[in-house]
PDB file of N, CA and C in Angstrom:
ATOM      1  N   MET A   1      90.460 122.435 118.744  1.00  0.00           N
ATOM      2  CA  MET A   1      91.679 123.211 118.821  1.00  0.00           C
ATOM      3  C   MET A   1      91.312 124.690 118.916  1.00  0.00           C
ATOM      4  N   ALA A   2      92.025 125.396 119.769  1.00  0.00           N
ATOM      5  CA  ALA A   2      91.742 126.815 119.962  1.00  0.00           C
ATOM      6  C   ALA A   2      92.194 127.608 118.742  1.00  0.00           C
ATOM      7  N   LYS A   3      91.562 128.724 118.554  1.00  0.00           N
ATOM      8  CA  LYS A   3      91.916 129.580 117.420  1.00  0.00           C
ATOM      9  C   LYS A   3      93.282 130.204 117.678  1.00  0.00           C
ATOM     10  N   LEU A   4      94.143 130.113 116.692  1.00  0.00           N
ATOM     11  CA  LEU A   4      95.494 130.664 116.814  1.00  0.00           C
ATOM     12  C   LEU A   4      95.557 132.054 116.226  1.00  0.00           C
ATOM     13  N   LYS A   5      96.378 132.870 116.834  1.00  0.00           N
ATOM     14  CA  LYS A   5      96.671 134.152 116.211  1.00  0.00           C
ATOM     15  C   LYS A   5      97.615 133.889 115.058  1.00  0.00           C
ATOM     16  N   THR A   6      97.412 134.557 113.974  1.00  0.00           N
ATOM     17  CA  THR A   6      98.322 134.351 112.861  1.00  0.00           C
ATOM     18  C   THR A   6      99.636 135.039 113.188  1.00  0.00           C
ATOM     19  N   GLY A   7     100.693 134.340 112.912  1.00  0.00           N
ATOM     20  CA  GLY A   7     102.002 134.886 113.223  1.00  0.00           C
ATOM     21  C   GLY A   7     103.069 134.083 112.532  1.00  0.00           C
ATOM     22  N   ARG A   8     104.275 134.311 112.924  1.00  0.00           N
ATOM     23  CA  ARG A   8     105.379 133.646 112.248  1.00  0.00           C
ATOM     24  C   ARG A   8     105.438 132.155 112.540  1.00  0.00           C
ATOM     25  N   HIS A   9     104.983 131.733 113.711  1.00  0.00           N
ATOM     26  CA  HIS A   9     105.127 130.328 114.071  1.00  0.00           C
ATOM     27  C   HIS A   9     103.929 129.470 113.692  1.00  0.00           C
ATOM     28  N   THR A  10     102.931 130.014 113.065  1.00  0.00           N
ATOM     29  CA  THR A  10     101.754 129.236 112.684  1.00  0.00           C
ATOM     30  C   THR A  10     102.124 128.101 111.742  1.00  0.00           C
ATOM     31  N   SER A  11     102.983 128.383 110.790  1.00  0.00           N
ATOM     32  CA  SER A  11     103.384 127.339 109.851  1.00  0.00           C
ATOM     33  C   SER A  11     104.205 126.267 110.545  1.00  0.00           C
ATOM     34  N   ALA A  12     104.963 126.651 111.559  1.00  0.00           N
ATOM     35  CA  ALA A  12     105.745 125.665 112.299  1.00  0.00           C
ATOM     36  C   ALA A  12     104.831 124.725 113.075  1.00  0.00           C
ATOM     37  N   LEU A  13     103.749 125.261 113.630  1.00  0.00           N
ATOM     38  CA  LEU A  13     102.791 124.413 114.347  1.00  0.00           C
ATOM     39  C   LEU A  13     102.109 123.441 113.395  1.00  0.00           C
ATOM     40  N   LYS A  14     101.751 123.939 112.221  1.00  0.00           N
ATOM     41  CA  LYS A  14     101.110 123.070 111.232  1.00  0.00           C
ATOM     42  C   LYS A  14     102.081 121.990 110.775  1.00  0.00           C
ATOM     43  N   GLU A  15     103.332 122.350 110.550  1.00  0.00           N
ATOM     44  CA  GLU A  15     104.341 121.377 110.115  1.00  0.00           C
ATOM     45  C   GLU A  15     104.558 120.310 111.186  1.00  0.00           C
ATOM     46  N   ASN A  16     104.468 120.713 112.447  1.00  0.00           N
ATOM     47  CA  ASN A  16     104.600 119.757 113.543  1.00  0.00           C
ATOM     48  C   ASN A  16     103.454 118.749 113.526  1.00  0.00           C
ATOM     49  N   ARG A  17     102.238 119.212 113.271  1.00  0.00           N
ATOM     50  CA  ARG A  17     101.098 118.303 113.174  1.00  0.00           C
ATOM     51  C   ARG A  17     101.267 117.351 111.997  1.00  0.00           C
ATOM     52  N   LYS A  18     101.739 117.881 110.877  1.00  0.00           N
ATOM     53  CA  LYS A  18     101.934 117.047 109.691  1.00  0.00           C
ATOM     54  C   LYS A  18     102.998 115.990 109.936  1.00  0.00           C
ATOM     55  N   SER A  19     104.084 116.382 110.589  1.00  0.00           N
ATOM     56  CA  SER A  19     105.169 115.426 110.820  1.00  0.00           C
ATOM     57  C   SER A  19     104.737 114.336 111.794  1.00  0.00           C
ATOM     58  N   ALA A  20     103.863 114.670 112.744  1.00  0.00           N
ATOM     59  CA  ALA A  20     103.356 113.655 113.671  1.00  0.00           C
ATOM     60  C   ALA A  20     102.511 112.628 112.927  1.00  0.00           C
ATOM     61  N   ARG A  21     101.661 113.103 111.992  1.00  0.00           N
ATOM     62  CA  ARG A  21     100.859 112.167 111.193  1.00  0.00           C
ATOM     63  C   ARG A  21     101.742 111.295 110.320  1.00  0.00           C
ATOM     64  N   ARG A  22     102.759 111.898 109.703  1.00  0.00           N
ATOM     65  CA  ARG A  22     103.669 111.138 108.842  1.00  0.00           C
ATOM     66  C   ARG A  22     104.444 110.098 109.635  1.00  0.00           C
ATOM     67  N   ARG A  23     104.838 110.457 110.859  1.00  0.00           N
ATOM     68  CA  ARG A  23     105.605 109.533 111.695  1.00  0.00           C
ATOM     69  C   ARG A  23     104.793 108.270 111.977  1.00  0.00           C
ATOM     70  N   VAL A  24     103.524 108.446 112.315  1.00  0.00           N
ATOM     71  CA  VAL A  24     102.652 107.297 112.588  1.00  0.00           C
ATOM     72  C   VAL A  24     102.516 106.429 111.340  1.00  0.00           C
ATOM     73  N   ARG A  25     102.328 107.077 110.187  1.00  0.00           N
ATOM     74  CA  ARG A  25     102.167 106.339 108.935  1.00  0.00           C
ATOM     75  C   ARG A  25     103.443 105.598 108.578  1.00  0.00           C
ATOM     76  N   ASN A  26     104.589 106.269 108.742  1.00  0.00           N
ATOM     77  CA  ASN A  26     105.869 105.644 108.411  1.00  0.00           C
ATOM     78  C   ASN A  26     106.178 104.470 109.335  1.00  0.00           C
ATOM     79  N   LEU A  27     105.838 104.595 110.624  1.00  0.00           N
ATOM     80  CA  LEU A  27     106.055 103.488 111.542  1.00  0.00           C
ATOM     81  C   LEU A  27     105.211 102.282 111.155  1.00  0.00           C
ATOM     82  N   ALA A  28     103.983 102.531 110.703  1.00  0.00           N
ATOM     83  CA  ALA A  28     103.118 101.429 110.285  1.00  0.00           C
ATOM     84  C   ALA A  28     103.710 100.706 109.078  1.00  0.00           C
ATOM     85  N   VAL A  29     104.221 101.469 108.121  1.00  0.00           N
ATOM     86  CA  VAL A  29     104.830 100.868 106.928  1.00  0.00           C
ATOM     87  C   VAL A  29     106.076 100.082 107.318  1.00  0.00           C
ATOM     88  N   LYS A  30     106.908 100.674 108.163  1.00  0.00           N
ATOM     89  CA  LYS A  30     108.144 100.037 108.590  1.00  0.00           C
ATOM     90  C   LYS A  30     107.859  98.719 109.319  1.00  0.00           C
ATOM     91  N   ASN A  31     106.893  98.745 110.234  1.00  0.00           N
ATOM     92  CA  ASN A  31     106.569  97.545 111.001  1.00  0.00           C
ATOM     93  C   ASN A  31     105.973  96.459 110.120  1.00  0.00           C
ATOM     94  N   SER A  32     105.130  96.830 109.173  1.00  0.00           N
ATOM     95  CA  SER A  32     104.529  95.814 108.308  1.00  0.00           C
ATOM     96  C   SER A  32     105.589  95.183 107.409  1.00  0.00           C
ATOM     97  N   LEU A  33     106.536  95.978 106.920  1.00  0.00           N
ATOM     98  CA  LEU A  33     107.628  95.423 106.115  1.00  0.00           C
ATOM     99  C   LEU A  33     108.462  94.445 106.935  1.00  0.00           C
ATOM    100  N   LYS A  34     108.816  94.861 108.147  1.00  0.00           N
ATOM    101  CA  LYS A  34     109.668  94.022 108.990  1.00  0.00           C
ATOM    102  C   LYS A  34     108.980  92.718 109.380  1.00  0.00           C
ATOM    103  N   THR A  35     107.700  92.792 109.784  1.00  0.00           N
ATOM    104  CA  THR A  35     107.021  91.581 110.226  1.00  0.00           C
ATOM    105  C   THR A  35     106.783  90.621 109.069  1.00  0.00           C
ATOM    106  N   THR A  36     106.429  91.158 107.906  1.00  0.00           N
ATOM    107  CA  THR A  36     106.219  90.289 106.748  1.00  0.00           C
ATOM    108  C   THR A  36     107.522  89.605 106.341  1.00  0.00           C
ATOM    109  N   ARG A  37     108.626  90.343 106.395  1.00  0.00           N
ATOM    110  CA  ARG A  37     109.931  89.765 106.054  1.00  0.00           C
ATOM    111  C   ARG A  37     110.306  88.673 107.053  1.00  0.00           C
ATOM    112  N   LYS A  38     110.052  88.917 108.346  1.00  0.00           N
ATOM    113  CA  LYS A  38     110.369  87.905 109.361  1.00  0.00           C
ATOM    114  C   LYS A  38     109.536  86.641 109.164  1.00  0.00           C
ATOM    115  N   GLU A  39     108.233  86.810 108.890  1.00  0.00           N
ATOM    116  CA  GLU A  39     107.371  85.650 108.644  1.00  0.00           C
ATOM    117  C   GLU A  39     107.845  84.873 107.427  1.00  0.00           C
ATOM    118  N   LEU A  40     108.257  85.608 106.397  1.00  0.00           N
ATOM    119  CA  LEU A  40     108.741  84.983 105.169  1.00  0.00           C
ATOM    120  C   LEU A  40     110.003  84.179 105.432  1.00  0.00           C
ATOM    121  N   LEU A  41     110.927  84.750 106.187  1.00  0.00           N
ATOM    122  CA  LEU A  41     112.169  84.044 106.486  1.00  0.00           C
ATOM    123  C   LEU A  41     111.933  82.839 107.391  1.00  0.00           C
ATOM    124  N   LYS A  42     110.914  82.924 108.272  1.00  0.00           N
ATOM    125  CA  LYS A  42     110.555  81.761 109.088  1.00  0.00           C
ATOM    126  C   LYS A  42     110.030  80.639 108.205  1.00  0.00           C
ATOM    127  N   ALA A  43     109.209  81.006 107.215  1.00  0.00           N
ATOM    128  CA  ALA A  43     108.670  80.002 106.291  1.00  0.00           C
ATOM    129  C   ALA A  43     109.793  79.369 105.478  1.00  0.00           C
ATOM    130  N   VAL A  44     110.775  80.165 105.099  1.00  0.00           N
ATOM    131  CA  VAL A  44     111.926  79.634 104.355  1.00  0.00           C
ATOM    132  C   VAL A  44     112.719  78.688 105.242  1.00  0.00           C
ATOM    133  N   ALA A  45     112.917  79.055 106.504  1.00  0.00           N
ATOM    134  CA  ALA A  45     113.668  78.202 107.427  1.00  0.00           C
ATOM    135  C   ALA A  45     112.928  76.892 107.672  1.00  0.00           C
ATOM    136  N   ALA A  46     111.606  76.940 107.668  1.00  0.00           N
ATOM    137  CA  ALA A  46     110.800  75.739 107.877  1.00  0.00           C
ATOM    138  C   ALA A  46     110.589  74.957 106.586  1.00  0.00           C
ATOM    139  N   LYS A  47     111.138  75.452 105.490  1.00  0.00           N
ATOM    140  CA  LYS A  47     111.027  74.825 104.163  1.00  0.00           C
ATOM    141  C   LYS A  47     109.573  74.693 103.704  1.00  0.00           C
ATOM    142  N   ASP A  48     108.751  75.668 104.070  1.00  0.00           N
ATOM    143  CA  ASP A  48     107.350  75.701 103.663  1.00  0.00           C
ATOM    144  C   ASP A  48     107.234  76.575 102.412  1.00  0.00           C
ATOM    145  N   SER A  49     107.405  75.952 101.251  1.00  0.00           N
ATOM    146  CA  SER A  49     107.482  76.731 100.013  1.00  0.00           C
ATOM    147  C   SER A  49     106.144  77.366  99.634  1.00  0.00           C
ATOM    148  N   ALA A  50     105.030  76.713  99.944  1.00  0.00           N
ATOM    149  CA  ALA A  50     103.726  77.284  99.600  1.00  0.00           C
ATOM    150  C   ALA A  50     103.475  78.581 100.365  1.00  0.00           C
ATOM    151  N   LYS A  51     103.738  78.549 101.659  1.00  0.00           N
ATOM    152  CA  LYS A  51     103.540  79.760 102.464  1.00  0.00           C
ATOM    153  C   LYS A  51     104.560  80.826 102.086  1.00  0.00           C
ATOM    154  N   ALA A  52     105.783  80.406 101.775  1.00  0.00           N
ATOM    155  CA  ALA A  52     106.829  81.366 101.411  1.00  0.00           C
ATOM    156  C   ALA A  52     106.457  82.099 100.128  1.00  0.00           C
ATOM    157  N   ARG A  53     105.926  81.388  99.140  1.00  0.00           N
ATOM    158  CA  ARG A  53     105.520  82.037  97.892  1.00  0.00           C
ATOM    159  C   ARG A  53     104.384  83.016  98.121  1.00  0.00           C
ATOM    160  N   GLU A  54     103.439  82.610  98.984  1.00  0.00           N
ATOM    161  CA  GLU A  54     102.299  83.482  99.288  1.00  0.00           C
ATOM    162  C   GLU A  54     102.778  84.763  99.986  1.00  0.00           C
ATOM    163  N   LEU A  55     103.687  84.608 100.948  1.00  0.00           N
ATOM    164  CA  LEU A  55     104.214  85.772 101.658  1.00  0.00           C
ATOM    165  C   LEU A  55     105.116  86.614 100.768  1.00  0.00           C
ATOM    166  N   LEU A  56     105.750  85.970  99.793  1.00  0.00           N
ATOM    167  CA  LEU A  56     106.633  86.704  98.889  1.00  0.00           C
ATOM    168  C   LEU A  56     105.846  87.728  98.073  1.00  0.00           C
ATOM    169  N   THR A  57     104.673  87.341  97.595  1.00  0.00           N
ATOM    170  CA  THR A  57     103.873  88.285  96.808  1.00  0.00           C
ATOM    171  C   THR A  57     103.402  89.454  97.660  1.00  0.00           C
ATOM    172  N   SER A  58     103.009  89.174  98.916  1.00  0.00           N
ATOM    173  CA  SER A  58     102.576  90.278  99.776  1.00  0.00           C
ATOM    174  C   SER A  58     103.763  91.162 100.159  1.00  0.00           C
ATOM    175  N   PHE A  59     104.952  90.570 100.322  1.00  0.00           N
ATOM    176  CA  PHE A  59     106.142  91.361 100.630  1.00  0.00           C
ATOM    177  C   PHE A  59     106.514  92.240  99.446  1.00  0.00           C
ATOM    178  N   TYR A  60     106.404  91.696  98.237  1.00  0.00           N
ATOM    179  CA  TYR A  60     106.652  92.494  97.033  1.00  0.00           C
ATOM    180  C   TYR A  60     105.732  93.709  96.992  1.00  0.00           C
ATOM    181  N   ALA A  61     104.448  93.494  97.273  1.00  0.00           N
ATOM    182  CA  ALA A  61     103.481  94.585  97.232  1.00  0.00           C
ATOM    183  C   ALA A  61     103.814  95.652  98.266  1.00  0.00           C
ATOM    184  N   LEU A  62     104.176  95.225  99.470  1.00  0.00           N
ATOM    185  CA  LEU A  62     104.517  96.189 100.518  1.00  0.00           C
ATOM    186  C   LEU A  62     105.771  96.978 100.160  1.00  0.00           C
ATOM    187  N   ALA A  63     106.787  96.289  99.639  1.00  0.00           N
ATOM    188  CA  ALA A  63     108.034  96.973  99.288  1.00  0.00           C
ATOM    189  C   ALA A  63     107.809  97.948  98.139  1.00  0.00           C
ATOM    190  N   ASP A  64     107.024  97.542  97.149  1.00  0.00           N
ATOM    191  CA  ASP A  64     106.739  98.436  96.026  1.00  0.00           C
ATOM    192  C   ASP A  64     105.955  99.669  96.470  1.00  0.00           C
ATOM    193  N   LYS A  65     104.985  99.469  97.352  1.00  0.00           N
ATOM    194  CA  LYS A  65     104.201 100.608  97.823  1.00  0.00           C
ATOM    195  C   LYS A  65     105.058 101.537  98.674  1.00  0.00           C
ATOM    196  N   ALA A  66     105.959 100.974  99.488  1.00  0.00           N
ATOM    197  CA  ALA A  66     106.848 101.805 100.308  1.00  0.00           C
ATOM    198  C   ALA A  66     107.769 102.632  99.418  1.00  0.00           C
ATOM    199  N   ALA A  67     108.220 102.052  98.315  1.00  0.00           N
ATOM    200  CA  ALA A  67     109.076 102.790  97.388  1.00  0.00           C
ATOM    201  C   ALA A  67     108.272 103.848  96.635  1.00  0.00           C
ATOM    202  N   LYS A  68     107.045 103.502  96.268  1.00  0.00           N
ATOM    203  CA  LYS A  68     106.204 104.432  95.515  1.00  0.00           C
ATOM    204  C   LYS A  68     105.865 105.666  96.345  1.00  0.00           C
ATOM    205  N   THR A  69     105.601 105.464  97.633  1.00  0.00           N
ATOM    206  CA  THR A  69     105.233 106.581  98.491  1.00  0.00           C
ATOM    207  C   THR A  69     106.445 107.327  99.032  1.00  0.00           C
ATOM    208  N   GLY A  70     107.642 106.831  98.761  1.00  0.00           N
ATOM    209  CA  GLY A  70     108.851 107.537  99.170  1.00  0.00           C
ATOM    210  C   GLY A  70     109.361 107.149 100.536  1.00  0.00           C
ATOM    211  N   PHE A  71     108.808 106.099 101.138  1.00  0.00           N
ATOM    212  CA  PHE A  71     109.299 105.665 102.444  1.00  0.00           C
ATOM    213  C   PHE A  71     110.698 105.083 102.320  1.00  0.00           C
ATOM    214  N   ILE A  72     110.923 104.275 101.282  1.00  0.00           N
ATOM    215  CA  ILE A  72     112.258 103.771 100.984  1.00  0.00           C
ATOM    216  C   ILE A  72     112.572 104.092  99.530  1.00  0.00           C
ATOM    217  N   HIS A  73     113.830 104.059  99.194  1.00  0.00           N
ATOM    218  CA  HIS A  73     114.255 104.323  97.822  1.00  0.00           C
ATOM    219  C   HIS A  73     113.894 103.130  96.942  1.00  0.00           C
ATOM    220  N   ALA A  74     113.682 103.372  95.674  1.00  0.00           N
ATOM    221  CA  ALA A  74     113.304 102.313  94.740  1.00  0.00           C
ATOM    222  C   ALA A  74     114.394 101.251  94.641  1.00  0.00           C
ATOM    223  N   ASN A  75     115.655 101.668  94.690  1.00  0.00           N
ATOM    224  CA  ASN A  75     116.746 100.696  94.622  1.00  0.00           C
ATOM    225  C   ASN A  75     116.794  99.822  95.867  1.00  0.00           C
ATOM    226  N   LYS A  76     116.474 100.383  97.022  1.00  0.00           N
ATOM    227  CA  LYS A  76     116.443  99.581  98.240  1.00  0.00           C
ATOM    228  C   LYS A  76     115.323  98.560  98.169  1.00  0.00           C
ATOM    229  N   ALA A  77     114.182  98.968  97.631  1.00  0.00           N
ATOM    230  CA  ALA A  77     113.068  98.035  97.476  1.00  0.00           C
ATOM    231  C   ALA A  77     113.477  96.881  96.571  1.00  0.00           C
ATOM    232  N   ALA A  78     114.152  97.192  95.475  1.00  0.00           N
ATOM    233  CA  ALA A  78     114.606  96.149  94.561  1.00  0.00           C
ATOM    234  C   ALA A  78     115.616  95.232  95.242  1.00  0.00           C
ATOM    235  N   ARG A  79     116.477  95.822  96.052  1.00  0.00           N
ATOM    236  CA  ARG A  79     117.514  95.041  96.730  1.00  0.00           C
ATOM    237  C   ARG A  79     116.912  94.079  97.756  1.00  0.00           C
ATOM    238  N   ILE A  80     115.967  94.541  98.561  1.00  0.00           N
ATOM    239  CA  ILE A  80     115.392  93.652  99.569  1.00  0.00           C
ATOM    240  C   ILE A  80     114.485  92.603  98.926  1.00  0.00           C
ATOM    241  N   LYS A  81     113.812  92.965  97.840  1.00  0.00           N
ATOM    242  CA  LYS A  81     113.002  91.975  97.128  1.00  0.00           C
ATOM    243  C   LYS A  81     113.884  90.895  96.538  1.00  0.00           C
ATOM    244  N   SER A  82     115.022  91.294  95.984  1.00  0.00           N
ATOM    245  CA  SER A  82     115.938  90.341  95.376  1.00  0.00           C
ATOM    246  C   SER A  82     116.512  89.381  96.413  1.00  0.00           C
ATOM    247  N   SER A  83     116.903  89.913  97.562  1.00  0.00           N
ATOM    248  CA  SER A  83     117.513  89.058  98.576  1.00  0.00           C
ATOM    249  C   SER A  83     116.524  88.033  99.114  1.00  0.00           C
ATOM    250  N   VAL A  84     115.269  88.451  99.292  1.00  0.00           N
ATOM    251  CA  VAL A  84     114.250  87.528  99.780  1.00  0.00           C
ATOM    252  C   VAL A  84     113.890  86.502  98.708  1.00  0.00           C
ATOM    253  N   ALA A  85     113.826  86.951  97.467  1.00  0.00           N
ATOM    254  CA  ALA A  85     113.486  86.038  96.375  1.00  0.00           C
ATOM    255  C   ALA A  85     114.547  84.954  96.199  1.00  0.00           C
ATOM    256  N   ARG A  86     115.817  85.304  96.405  1.00  0.00           N
ATOM    257  CA  ARG A  86     116.881  84.296  96.321  1.00  0.00           C
ATOM    258  C   ARG A  86     116.701  83.218  97.361  1.00  0.00           C
ATOM    259  N   ARG A  87     116.300  83.631  98.567  1.00  0.00           N
ATOM    260  CA  ARG A  87     116.105  82.632  99.634  1.00  0.00           C
ATOM    261  C   ARG A  87     114.924  81.726  99.325  1.00  0.00           C
ATOM    262  N   VAL A  88     113.844  82.307  98.804  1.00  0.00           N
ATOM    263  CA  VAL A  88     112.674  81.501  98.470  1.00  0.00           C
ATOM    264  C   VAL A  88     113.014  80.556  97.323  1.00  0.00           C
ATOM    265  N   ALA A  89     113.777  81.027  96.351  1.00  0.00           N
ATOM    266  CA  ALA A  89     114.173  80.174  95.229  1.00  0.00           C
ATOM    267  C   ALA A  89     115.063  79.033  95.701  1.00  0.00           C
ATOM    268  N   GLY A  90     115.817  79.267  96.761  1.00  0.00           N
ATOM    269  CA  GLY A  90     116.692  78.229  97.301  1.00  0.00           C
ATOM    270  C   GLY A  90     115.901  77.050  97.873  1.00  0.00           C
ATOM    271  N   ILE A  91     114.754  77.314  98.484  1.00  0.00           N
ATOM    272  CA  ILE A  91     113.998  76.186  99.041  1.00  0.00           C
ATOM    273  C   ILE A  91     113.134  75.517  97.991  1.00  0.00           C
ATOM    274  N   THR A  92     112.713  76.257  96.968  1.00  0.00           N
ATOM    275  CA  THR A  92     111.882  75.642  95.940  1.00  0.00           C
ATOM    276  C   THR A  92     112.712  74.780  95.012  1.00  0.00           C
ATOM    277  N   ALA A  93     113.998  75.136  94.834  1.00  0.00           N
ATOM    278  CA  ALA A  93     114.865  74.353  93.960  1.00  0.00           C
ATOM    279  C   ALA A  93     115.337  73.080  94.641  1.00  0.00           C
ATOM    280  N   ALA A  94     115.469  73.135  95.960  1.00  0.00           N
ATOM    281  CA  ALA A  94     115.992  71.987  96.699  1.00  0.00           C
ATOM    282  C   ALA A  94     114.980  70.908  96.913  1.00  0.00           C
TER     283      ALA A  94
END
């Protein structure tokens, strides 16, 4: 990167670089949450309780980490974990 003259917009350029890095990181978190949830719901639809339980623990970890890092709110993490857990409990009870 070329040397910049210090000026009023230097901080704006740095903030732009930071936001680009954050965007990539946030997209990775978002995609991993979505794909894990989809796989989990497929396992529930197929009545595969062993795979569903295994995916449930990994989904819990992803949701908790997303809430911890501020990607999603803690209450949203609790809400999506609860909704998925109800579905998994439905196939294990049946």
